[in-house]
Amino acid sequence: MKSDNFSDRIRRKPTVGLIILQISVWQEYLLGLAYVYPLNDQQIAVTDRIFELLKILLHHAIKFEFGGWRVWIDTLSILHGRVTKEDYYRKINKMVENMKD
């Protein structure tokens, strides 16, 4: 039976990827679905799928969009901000836990 998931559709029909690239803050939305530090197999699978979609969409951005390299820069910036924010929250939570002891 043929797989019919979203990443396959993007691969088969580049226009689907191009439409997504036109959506405002699509990177923020996709990265918001991923886990910065996945804790179990299900979270790892979700995060892997999200990064697979990002890879396909960023490839489309470079290949088809004028100034597509800017999409890469924006995505890296959003990802860096997300990881930094998660690290900060973890650090604060650890400090609060240490204060309780």
PDB file of N, CA and C in Angstrom:
ATOM      1  N   MET A   1       0.841  -1.181   0.000  1.00  0.00           N
ATOM      2  CA  MET A   1       0.000   0.000   0.000  1.00  0.00           C
ATOM      3  C   MET A   1       0.884   1.242   0.000  1.00  0.00           C
ATOM      4  N   LYS A   2       0.501   2.226  -0.750  1.00  0.00           N
ATOM      5  CA  LYS A   2       1.294   3.432  -0.924  1.00  0.00           C
ATOM      6  C   LYS A   2       1.143   4.363   0.285  1.00  0.00           C
ATOM      7  N   SER A   3       2.275   4.883   0.765  1.00  0.00           N
ATOM      8  CA  SER A   3       2.257   5.835   1.870  1.00  0.00           C
ATOM      9  C   SER A   3       1.716   7.174   1.373  1.00  0.00           C
ATOM     10  N   ASP A   4       0.834   7.774   2.147  1.00  0.00           N
ATOM     11  CA  ASP A   4       0.258   9.057   1.748  1.00  0.00           C
ATOM     12  C   ASP A   4       0.336  10.024   2.924  1.00  0.00           C
ATOM     13  N   ASN A   5       1.563  10.352   3.327  1.00  0.00           N
ATOM     14  CA  ASN A   5       1.693  11.310   4.409  1.00  0.00           C
ATOM     15  C   ASN A   5       2.121  12.668   3.863  1.00  0.00           C
ATOM     16  N   PHE A   6       2.147  13.631   4.730  1.00  0.00           N
ATOM     17  CA  PHE A   6       2.376  15.015   4.315  1.00  0.00           C
ATOM     18  C   PHE A   6       3.733  15.214   3.647  1.00  0.00           C
ATOM     19  N   SER A   7       4.778  14.609   4.193  1.00  0.00           N
ATOM     20  CA  SER A   7       6.106  14.790   3.595  1.00  0.00           C
ATOM     21  C   SER A   7       6.175  14.184   2.197  1.00  0.00           C
ATOM     22  N   ASP A   8       5.459  13.083   1.969  1.00  0.00           N
ATOM     23  CA  ASP A   8       5.417  12.502   0.620  1.00  0.00           C
ATOM     24  C   ASP A   8       4.715  13.436  -0.359  1.00  0.00           C
ATOM     25  N   ARG A   9       3.651  14.080   0.103  1.00  0.00           N
ATOM     26  CA  ARG A   9       2.943  15.032  -0.763  1.00  0.00           C
ATOM     27  C   ARG A   9       3.840  16.198  -1.146  1.00  0.00           C
ATOM     28  N   ILE A  10       4.607  16.682  -0.197  1.00  0.00           N
ATOM     29  CA  ILE A  10       5.509  17.799  -0.490  1.00  0.00           C
ATOM     30  C   ILE A  10       6.556  17.372  -1.508  1.00  0.00           C
ATOM     31  N   ARG A  11       7.067  16.150  -1.362  1.00  0.00           N
ATOM     32  CA  ARG A  11       8.076  15.667  -2.313  1.00  0.00           C
ATOM     33  C   ARG A  11       7.497  15.515  -3.721  1.00  0.00           C
ATOM     34  N   ARG A  12       6.257  15.003  -3.802  1.00  0.00           N
ATOM     35  CA  ARG A  12       5.643  14.763  -5.109  1.00  0.00           C
ATOM     36  C   ARG A  12       5.165  16.037  -5.787  1.00  0.00           C
ATOM     37  N   LYS A  13       4.690  16.983  -5.006  1.00  0.00           N
ATOM     38  CA  LYS A  13       4.129  18.216  -5.572  1.00  0.00           C
ATOM     39  C   LYS A  13       4.817  19.423  -4.942  1.00  0.00           C
ATOM     40  N   PRO A  14       5.846  19.948  -5.589  1.00  0.00           N
ATOM     41  CA  PRO A  14       6.573  21.090  -5.027  1.00  0.00           C
ATOM     42  C   PRO A  14       5.693  22.297  -4.726  1.00  0.00           C
ATOM     43  N   THR A  15       4.557  22.424  -5.406  1.00  0.00           N
ATOM     44  CA  THR A  15       3.688  23.576  -5.138  1.00  0.00           C
ATOM     45  C   THR A  15       3.143  23.555  -3.714  1.00  0.00           C
ATOM     46  N   VAL A  16       2.975  22.365  -3.132  1.00  0.00           N
ATOM     47  CA  VAL A  16       2.524  22.270  -1.741  1.00  0.00           C
ATOM     48  C   VAL A  16       3.565  22.915  -0.833  1.00  0.00           C
ATOM     49  N   GLY A  17       4.824  22.595  -1.073  1.00  0.00           N
ATOM     50  CA  GLY A  17       5.896  23.202  -0.290  1.00  0.00           C
ATOM     51  C   GLY A  17       5.970  24.699  -0.482  1.00  0.00           C
ATOM     52  N   LEU A  18       5.771  25.148  -1.708  1.00  0.00           N
ATOM     53  CA  LEU A  18       5.820  26.581  -1.991  1.00  0.00           C
ATOM     54  C   LEU A  18       4.691  27.325  -1.289  1.00  0.00           C
ATOM     55  N   ILE A  19       3.533  26.712  -1.206  1.00  0.00           N
ATOM     56  CA  ILE A  19       2.406  27.339  -0.501  1.00  0.00           C
ATOM     57  C   ILE A  19       2.740  27.496   0.977  1.00  0.00           C
ATOM     58  N   ILE A  20       3.311  26.464   1.569  1.00  0.00           N
ATOM     59  CA  ILE A  20       3.665  26.526   2.988  1.00  0.00           C
ATOM     60  C   ILE A  20       4.713  27.603   3.228  1.00  0.00           C
ATOM     61  N   LEU A  21       5.666  27.733   2.299  1.00  0.00           N
ATOM     62  CA  LEU A  21       6.706  28.747   2.454  1.00  0.00           C
ATOM     63  C   LEU A  21       6.128  30.161   2.481  1.00  0.00           C
ATOM     64  N   GLN A  22       4.949  30.351   1.927  1.00  0.00           N
ATOM     65  CA  GLN A  22       4.322  31.672   1.911  1.00  0.00           C
ATOM     66  C   GLN A  22       3.566  31.985   3.210  1.00  0.00           C
ATOM     67  N   ILE A  23       3.364  30.992   4.044  1.00  0.00           N
ATOM     68  CA  ILE A  23       2.650  31.196   5.305  1.00  0.00           C
ATOM     69  C   ILE A  23       3.578  31.918   6.280  1.00  0.00           C
ATOM     70  N   SER A  24       3.046  32.926   6.935  1.00  0.00           N
ATOM     71  CA  SER A  24       3.834  33.690   7.899  1.00  0.00           C
ATOM     72  C   SER A  24       4.219  32.801   9.083  1.00  0.00           C
ATOM     73  N   VAL A  25       5.428  32.880   9.509  1.00  0.00           N
ATOM     74  CA  VAL A  25       6.024  32.159  10.644  1.00  0.00           C
ATOM     75  C   VAL A  25       5.763  30.651  10.634  1.00  0.00           C
ATOM     76  N   TRP A  26       5.832  30.038   9.479  1.00  0.00           N
ATOM     77  CA  TRP A  26       5.622  28.593   9.401  1.00  0.00           C
ATOM     78  C   TRP A  26       6.704  27.842  10.165  1.00  0.00           C
ATOM     79  N   GLN A  27       7.925  28.404  10.195  1.00  0.00           N
ATOM     80  CA  GLN A  27       9.003  27.736  10.924  1.00  0.00           C
ATOM     81  C   GLN A  27       8.693  27.696  12.421  1.00  0.00           C
ATOM     82  N   GLU A  28       8.193  28.814  12.939  1.00  0.00           N
ATOM     83  CA  GLU A  28       7.845  28.893  14.360  1.00  0.00           C
ATOM     84  C   GLU A  28       6.787  27.837  14.702  1.00  0.00           C
ATOM     85  N   TYR A  29       5.816  27.690  13.831  1.00  0.00           N
ATOM     86  CA  TYR A  29       4.755  26.705  14.051  1.00  0.00           C
ATOM     87  C   TYR A  29       5.324  25.281  14.059  1.00  0.00           C
ATOM     88  N   LEU A  30       6.102  24.947  13.034  1.00  0.00           N
ATOM     89  CA  LEU A  30       6.652  23.588  12.955  1.00  0.00           C
ATOM     90  C   LEU A  30       7.585  23.298  14.125  1.00  0.00           C
ATOM     91  N   LEU A  31       8.487  24.232  14.423  1.00  0.00           N
ATOM     92  CA  LEU A  31       9.418  24.001  15.524  1.00  0.00           C
ATOM     93  C   LEU A  31       8.693  23.951  16.865  1.00  0.00           C
ATOM     94  N   GLY A  32       7.555  24.620  16.957  1.00  0.00           N
ATOM     95  CA  GLY A  32       6.754  24.548  18.176  1.00  0.00           C
ATOM     96  C   GLY A  32       6.160  23.166  18.412  1.00  0.00           C
ATOM     97  N   LEU A  33       6.034  22.383  17.354  1.00  0.00           N
ATOM     98  CA  LEU A  33       5.518  21.018  17.484  1.00  0.00           C
ATOM     99  C   LEU A  33       6.598  20.021  17.898  1.00  0.00           C
ATOM    100  N   ALA A  34       7.859  20.392  17.689  1.00  0.00           N
ATOM    101  CA  ALA A  34       8.977  19.500  18.005  1.00  0.00           C
ATOM    102  C   ALA A  34       9.374  19.650  19.476  1.00  0.00           C
ATOM    103  N   TYR A  35      10.096  18.676  19.970  1.00  0.00           N
ATOM    104  CA  TYR A  35      10.611  18.709  21.336  1.00  0.00           C
ATOM    105  C   TYR A  35      12.092  19.059  21.283  1.00  0.00           C
ATOM    106  N   VAL A  36      12.502  20.027  22.107  1.00  0.00           N
ATOM    107  CA  VAL A  36      13.917  20.398  22.139  1.00  0.00           C
ATOM    108  C   VAL A  36      14.722  19.248  22.728  1.00  0.00           C
ATOM    109  N   TYR A  37      14.226  18.678  23.814  1.00  0.00           N
ATOM    110  CA  TYR A  37      14.871  17.536  24.455  1.00  0.00           C
ATOM    111  C   TYR A  37      13.840  16.412  24.605  1.00  0.00           C
ATOM    112  N   PRO A  38      13.638  15.613  23.556  1.00  0.00           N
ATOM    113  CA  PRO A  38      12.632  14.544  23.643  1.00  0.00           C
ATOM    114  C   PRO A  38      12.998  13.527  24.720  1.00  0.00           C
ATOM    115  N   LEU A  39      11.967  13.058  25.430  1.00  0.00           N
ATOM    116  CA  LEU A  39      12.193  12.167  26.566  1.00  0.00           C
ATOM    117  C   LEU A  39      11.832  10.709  26.305  1.00  0.00           C
ATOM    118  N   ASN A  40      11.044  10.445  25.264  1.00  0.00           N
ATOM    119  CA  ASN A  40      10.652   9.061  24.995  1.00  0.00           C
ATOM    120  C   ASN A  40      10.595   8.830  23.487  1.00  0.00           C
ATOM    121  N   ASP A  41      10.306   7.593  23.112  1.00  0.00           N
ATOM    122  CA  ASP A  41      10.309   7.229  21.689  1.00  0.00           C
ATOM    123  C   ASP A  41       9.276   8.002  20.876  1.00  0.00           C
ATOM    124  N   GLN A  42       8.128   8.249  21.466  1.00  0.00           N
ATOM    125  CA  GLN A  42       7.084   8.982  20.745  1.00  0.00           C
ATOM    126  C   GLN A  42       7.521  10.426  20.478  1.00  0.00           C
ATOM    127  N   GLN A  43       8.102  11.067  21.468  1.00  0.00           N
ATOM    128  CA  GLN A  43       8.589  12.438  21.284  1.00  0.00           C
ATOM    129  C   GLN A  43       9.727  12.487  20.270  1.00  0.00           C
ATOM    130  N   ILE A  44      10.575  11.482  20.283  1.00  0.00           N
ATOM    131  CA  ILE A  44      11.666  11.408  19.306  1.00  0.00           C
ATOM    132  C   ILE A  44      11.098  11.259  17.902  1.00  0.00           C
ATOM    133  N   ALA A  45      10.081  10.411  17.745  1.00  0.00           N
ATOM    134  CA  ALA A  45       9.463  10.209  16.428  1.00  0.00           C
ATOM    135  C   ALA A  45       8.824  11.500  15.915  1.00  0.00           C
ATOM    136  N   VAL A  46       8.130  12.213  16.788  1.00  0.00           N
ATOM    137  CA  VAL A  46       7.508  13.485  16.395  1.00  0.00           C
ATOM    138  C   VAL A  46       8.579  14.482  15.973  1.00  0.00           C
ATOM    139  N   THR A  47       9.614  14.602  16.768  1.00  0.00           N
ATOM    140  CA  THR A  47      10.692  15.550  16.469  1.00  0.00           C
ATOM    141  C   THR A  47      11.396  15.180  15.172  1.00  0.00           C
ATOM    142  N   ASP A  48      11.639  13.902  14.958  1.00  0.00           N
ATOM    143  CA  ASP A  48      12.257  13.464  13.698  1.00  0.00           C
ATOM    144  C   ASP A  48      11.397  13.834  12.501  1.00  0.00           C
ATOM    145  N   ARG A  49      10.093  13.640  12.613  1.00  0.00           N
ATOM    146  CA  ARG A  49       9.182  13.966  11.510  1.00  0.00           C
ATOM    147  C   ARG A  49       9.181  15.474  11.241  1.00  0.00           C
ATOM    148  N   ILE A  50       9.178  16.261  12.294  1.00  0.00           N
ATOM    149  CA  ILE A  50       9.190  17.721  12.139  1.00  0.00           C
ATOM    150  C   ILE A  50      10.459  18.164  11.424  1.00  0.00           C
ATOM    151  N   PHE A  51      11.597  17.608  11.811  1.00  0.00           N
ATOM    152  CA  PHE A  51      12.844  18.006  11.165  1.00  0.00           C
ATOM    153  C   PHE A  51      12.941  17.469   9.737  1.00  0.00           C
ATOM    154  N   GLU A  52      12.279  16.357   9.462  1.00  0.00           N
ATOM    155  CA  GLU A  52      12.200  15.872   8.080  1.00  0.00           C
ATOM    156  C   GLU A  52      11.424  16.874   7.223  1.00  0.00           C
ATOM    157  N   LEU A  53      10.298  17.350   7.744  1.00  0.00           N
ATOM    158  CA  LEU A  53       9.511  18.356   7.023  1.00  0.00           C
ATOM    159  C   LEU A  53      10.295  19.653   6.851  1.00  0.00           C
ATOM    160  N   LEU A  54      10.998  20.072   7.899  1.00  0.00           N
ATOM    161  CA  LEU A  54      11.822  21.279   7.793  1.00  0.00           C
ATOM    162  C   LEU A  54      12.875  21.134   6.703  1.00  0.00           C
ATOM    163  N   LYS A  55      13.497  19.967   6.664  1.00  0.00           N
ATOM    164  CA  LYS A  55      14.527  19.723   5.651  1.00  0.00           C
ATOM    165  C   LYS A  55      13.952  19.864   4.248  1.00  0.00           C
ATOM    166  N   ILE A  56      12.796  19.277   4.022  1.00  0.00           N
ATOM    167  CA  ILE A  56      12.155  19.348   2.701  1.00  0.00           C
ATOM    168  C   ILE A  56      11.782  20.787   2.364  1.00  0.00           C
ATOM    169  N   LEU A  57      11.167  21.481   3.314  1.00  0.00           N
ATOM    170  CA  LEU A  57      10.724  22.854   3.055  1.00  0.00           C
ATOM    171  C   LEU A  57      11.899  23.807   2.858  1.00  0.00           C
ATOM    172  N   LEU A  58      12.962  23.616   3.610  1.00  0.00           N
ATOM    173  CA  LEU A  58      14.134  24.476   3.430  1.00  0.00           C
ATOM    174  C   LEU A  58      14.806  24.206   2.089  1.00  0.00           C
ATOM    175  N   HIS A  59      14.785  22.955   1.655  1.00  0.00           N
ATOM    176  CA  HIS A  59      15.297  22.630   0.319  1.00  0.00           C
ATOM    177  C   HIS A  59      14.475  23.362  -0.745  1.00  0.00           C
ATOM    178  N   HIS A  60      13.162  23.340  -0.596  1.00  0.00           N
ATOM    179  CA  HIS A  60      12.284  24.049  -1.532  1.00  0.00           C
ATOM    180  C   HIS A  60      12.568  25.551  -1.506  1.00  0.00           C
ATOM    181  N   ALA A  61      12.814  26.085  -0.321  1.00  0.00           N
ATOM    182  CA  ALA A  61      13.082  27.524  -0.211  1.00  0.00           C
ATOM    183  C   ALA A  61      14.321  27.903  -1.009  1.00  0.00           C
ATOM    184  N   ILE A  62      15.384  27.124  -0.857  1.00  0.00           N
ATOM    185  CA  ILE A  62      16.627  27.413  -1.579  1.00  0.00           C
ATOM    186  C   ILE A  62      16.434  27.220  -3.076  1.00  0.00           C
ATOM    187  N   LYS A  63      15.737  26.171  -3.445  1.00  0.00           N
ATOM    188  CA  LYS A  63      15.611  25.821  -4.858  1.00  0.00           C
ATOM    189  C   LYS A  63      14.632  26.714  -5.623  1.00  0.00           C
ATOM    190  N   PHE A  64      13.512  27.085  -5.001  1.00  0.00           N
ATOM    191  CA  PHE A  64      12.446  27.744  -5.748  1.00  0.00           C
ATOM    192  C   PHE A  64      12.187  29.204  -5.375  1.00  0.00           C
ATOM    193  N   GLU A  65      12.556  29.621  -4.184  1.00  0.00           N
ATOM    194  CA  GLU A  65      12.212  30.965  -3.724  1.00  0.00           C
ATOM    195  C   GLU A  65      13.349  31.948  -3.976  1.00  0.00           C
ATOM    196  N   PHE A  66      12.999  33.143  -4.429  1.00  0.00           N
ATOM    197  CA  PHE A  66      13.980  34.213  -4.533  1.00  0.00           C
ATOM    198  C   PHE A  66      14.365  34.611  -3.107  1.00  0.00           C
ATOM    199  N   GLY A  67      15.649  34.643  -2.823  1.00  0.00           N
ATOM    200  CA  GLY A  67      16.096  34.955  -1.469  1.00  0.00           C
ATOM    201  C   GLY A  67      15.814  33.836  -0.488  1.00  0.00           C
ATOM    202  N   GLY A  68      15.743  32.604  -0.991  1.00  0.00           N
ATOM    203  CA  GLY A  68      15.429  31.464  -0.132  1.00  0.00           C
ATOM    204  C   GLY A  68      16.435  31.240   0.981  1.00  0.00           C
ATOM    205  N   TRP A  69      17.647  31.729   0.795  1.00  0.00           N
ATOM    206  CA  TRP A  69      18.663  31.580   1.850  1.00  0.00           C
ATOM    207  C   TRP A  69      18.221  32.312   3.118  1.00  0.00           C
ATOM    208  N   ARG A  70      17.407  33.354   2.971  1.00  0.00           N
ATOM    209  CA  ARG A  70      16.918  34.081   4.149  1.00  0.00           C
ATOM    210  C   ARG A  70      16.011  33.197   5.001  1.00  0.00           C
ATOM    211  N   VAL A  71      15.310  32.291   4.342  1.00  0.00           N
ATOM    212  CA  VAL A  71      14.452  31.359   5.077  1.00  0.00           C
ATOM    213  C   VAL A  71      15.317  30.476   5.973  1.00  0.00           C
ATOM    214  N   TRP A  72      16.471  30.039   5.461  1.00  0.00           N
ATOM    215  CA  TRP A  72      17.411  29.258   6.266  1.00  0.00           C
ATOM    216  C   TRP A  72      17.856  30.052   7.489  1.00  0.00           C
ATOM    217  N   ILE A  73      18.242  31.313   7.268  1.00  0.00           N
ATOM    218  CA  ILE A  73      18.719  32.158   8.363  1.00  0.00           C
ATOM    219  C   ILE A  73      17.613  32.360   9.400  1.00  0.00           C
ATOM    220  N   ASP A  74      16.405  32.647   8.938  1.00  0.00           N
ATOM    221  CA  ASP A  74      15.273  32.823   9.859  1.00  0.00           C
ATOM    222  C   ASP A  74      15.030  31.556  10.673  1.00  0.00           C
ATOM    223  N   THR A  75      15.094  30.415  10.011  1.00  0.00           N
ATOM    224  CA  THR A  75      14.848  29.141  10.688  1.00  0.00           C
ATOM    225  C   THR A  75      15.913  28.865  11.742  1.00  0.00           C
ATOM    226  N   LEU A  76      17.172  29.113  11.400  1.00  0.00           N
ATOM    227  CA  LEU A  76      18.248  28.919  12.380  1.00  0.00           C
ATOM    228  C   LEU A  76      18.077  29.852  13.573  1.00  0.00           C
ATOM    229  N   SER A  77      17.668  31.075  13.306  1.00  0.00           N
ATOM    230  CA  SER A  77      17.444  32.036  14.378  1.00  0.00           C
ATOM    231  C   SER A  77      16.313  31.582  15.299  1.00  0.00           C
ATOM    232  N   ILE A  78      15.223  31.134  14.715  1.00  0.00           N
ATOM    233  CA  ILE A  78      14.085  30.647  15.505  1.00  0.00           C
ATOM    234  C   ILE A  78      14.489  29.423  16.319  1.00  0.00           C
ATOM    235  N   LEU A  79      15.215  28.499  15.703  1.00  0.00           N
ATOM    236  CA  LEU A  79      15.661  27.293  16.399  1.00  0.00           C
ATOM    237  C   LEU A  79      16.606  27.646  17.549  1.00  0.00           C
ATOM    238  N   HIS A  80      17.531  28.554  17.300  1.00  0.00           N
ATOM    239  CA  HIS A  80      18.462  28.984  18.350  1.00  0.00           C
ATOM    240  C   HIS A  80      17.694  29.604  19.518  1.00  0.00           C
ATOM    241  N   GLY A  81      16.729  30.447  19.206  1.00  0.00           N
ATOM    242  CA  GLY A  81      15.928  31.072  20.255  1.00  0.00           C
ATOM    243  C   GLY A  81      15.145  30.054  21.060  1.00  0.00           C
ATOM    244  N   ARG A  82      14.627  29.064  20.385  1.00  0.00           N
ATOM    245  CA  ARG A  82      13.833  28.027  21.066  1.00  0.00           C
ATOM    246  C   ARG A  82      14.704  27.186  22.002  1.00  0.00           C
ATOM    247  N   VAL A  83      15.890  26.807  21.536  1.00  0.00           N
ATOM    248  CA  VAL A  83      16.799  26.008  22.370  1.00  0.00           C
ATOM    249  C   VAL A  83      17.294  26.842  23.553  1.00  0.00           C
ATOM    250  N   THR A  84      17.645  28.098  23.298  1.00  0.00           N
ATOM    251  CA  THR A  84      18.116  28.982  24.365  1.00  0.00           C
ATOM    252  C   THR A  84      17.041  29.171  25.427  1.00  0.00           C
ATOM    253  N   LYS A  85      15.805  29.369  24.994  1.00  0.00           N
ATOM    254  CA  LYS A  85      14.684  29.538  25.926  1.00  0.00           C
ATOM    255  C   LYS A  85      14.484  28.282  26.768  1.00  0.00           C
ATOM    256  N   GLU A  86      14.526  27.116  26.132  1.00  0.00           N
ATOM    257  CA  GLU A  86      14.362  25.853  26.862  1.00  0.00           C
ATOM    258  C   GLU A  86      15.498  25.657  27.865  1.00  0.00           C
ATOM    259  N   ASP A  87      16.723  25.961  27.458  1.00  0.00           N
ATOM    260  CA  ASP A  87      17.864  25.846  28.373  1.00  0.00           C
ATOM    261  C   ASP A  87      17.703  26.778  29.573  1.00  0.00           C
ATOM    262  N   TYR A  88      17.227  27.990  29.308  1.00  0.00           N
ATOM    263  CA  TYR A  88      17.011  28.962  30.384  1.00  0.00           C
ATOM    264  C   TYR A  88      15.964  28.436  31.364  1.00  0.00           C
ATOM    265  N   TYR A  89      14.843  27.935  30.847  1.00  0.00           N
ATOM    266  CA  TYR A  89      13.802  27.395  31.721  1.00  0.00           C
ATOM    267  C   TYR A  89      14.318  26.224  32.551  1.00  0.00           C
ATOM    268  N   ARG A  90      15.113  25.381  31.942  1.00  0.00           N
ATOM    269  CA  ARG A  90      15.671  24.243  32.687  1.00  0.00           C
ATOM    270  C   ARG A  90      16.602  24.723  33.799  1.00  0.00           C
ATOM    271  N   LYS A  91      17.402  25.729  33.480  1.00  0.00           N
ATOM    272  CA  LYS A  91      18.335  26.272  34.470  1.00  0.00           C
ATOM    273  C   LYS A  91      17.574  26.890  35.643  1.00  0.00           C
ATOM    274  N   ILE A  92      16.542  27.669  35.356  1.00  0.00           N
ATOM    275  CA  ILE A  92      15.737  28.290  36.411  1.00  0.00           C
ATOM    276  C   ILE A  92      15.034  27.225  37.249  1.00  0.00           C
ATOM    277  N   ASN A  93      14.461  26.219  36.599  1.00  0.00           N
ATOM    278  CA  ASN A  93      13.791  25.141  37.341  1.00  0.00           C
ATOM    279  C   ASN A  93      14.758  24.417  38.261  1.00  0.00           C
ATOM    280  N   LYS A  94      15.979  24.204  37.785  1.00  0.00           N
ATOM    281  CA  LYS A  94      16.988  23.537  38.609  1.00  0.00           C
ATOM    282  C   LYS A  94      17.354  24.406  39.813  1.00  0.00           C
ATOM    283  N   MET A  95      17.471  25.720  39.595  1.00  0.00           N
ATOM    284  CA  MET A  95      17.780  26.631  40.699  1.00  0.00           C
ATOM    285  C   MET A  95      16.659  26.625  41.735  1.00  0.00           C
ATOM    286  N   VAL A  96      15.421  26.617  41.284  1.00  0.00           N
ATOM    287  CA  VAL A  96      14.275  26.599  42.199  1.00  0.00           C
ATOM    288  C   VAL A  96      14.253  25.299  42.989  1.00  0.00           C
ATOM    289  N   GLU A  97      14.518  24.177  42.321  1.00  0.00           N
ATOM    290  CA  GLU A  97      14.557  22.889  43.018  1.00  0.00           C
ATOM    291  C   GLU A  97      15.663  22.863  44.066  1.00  0.00           C
ATOM    292  N   ASN A  98      16.827  23.433  43.735  1.00  0.00           N
ATOM    293  CA  ASN A  98      17.937  23.476  44.689  1.00  0.00           C
ATOM    294  C   ASN A  98      17.608  24.360  45.885  1.00  0.00           C
ATOM    295  N   MET A  99      16.826  25.416  45.673  1.00  0.00           N
ATOM    296  CA  MET A  99      16.446  26.302  46.775  1.00  0.00           C
ATOM    297  C   MET A  99      15.475  25.613  47.725  1.00  0.00           C
ATOM    298  N   LYS A 100      14.674  24.685  47.208  1.00  0.00           N
ATOM    299  CA  LYS A 100      13.711  23.959  48.040  1.00  0.00           C
ATOM    300  C   LYS A 100      14.409  22.995  48.991  1.00  0.00           C
ATOM    301  N   ASP A 101      15.559  22.488  48.558  1.00  0.00           N
ATOM    302  CA  ASP A 101      16.275  21.481  49.370  1.00  0.00           C
ATOM    303  C   ASP A 101      16.940  22.061  50.564  1.00  0.00           C
TER     304      ASP A 101
END
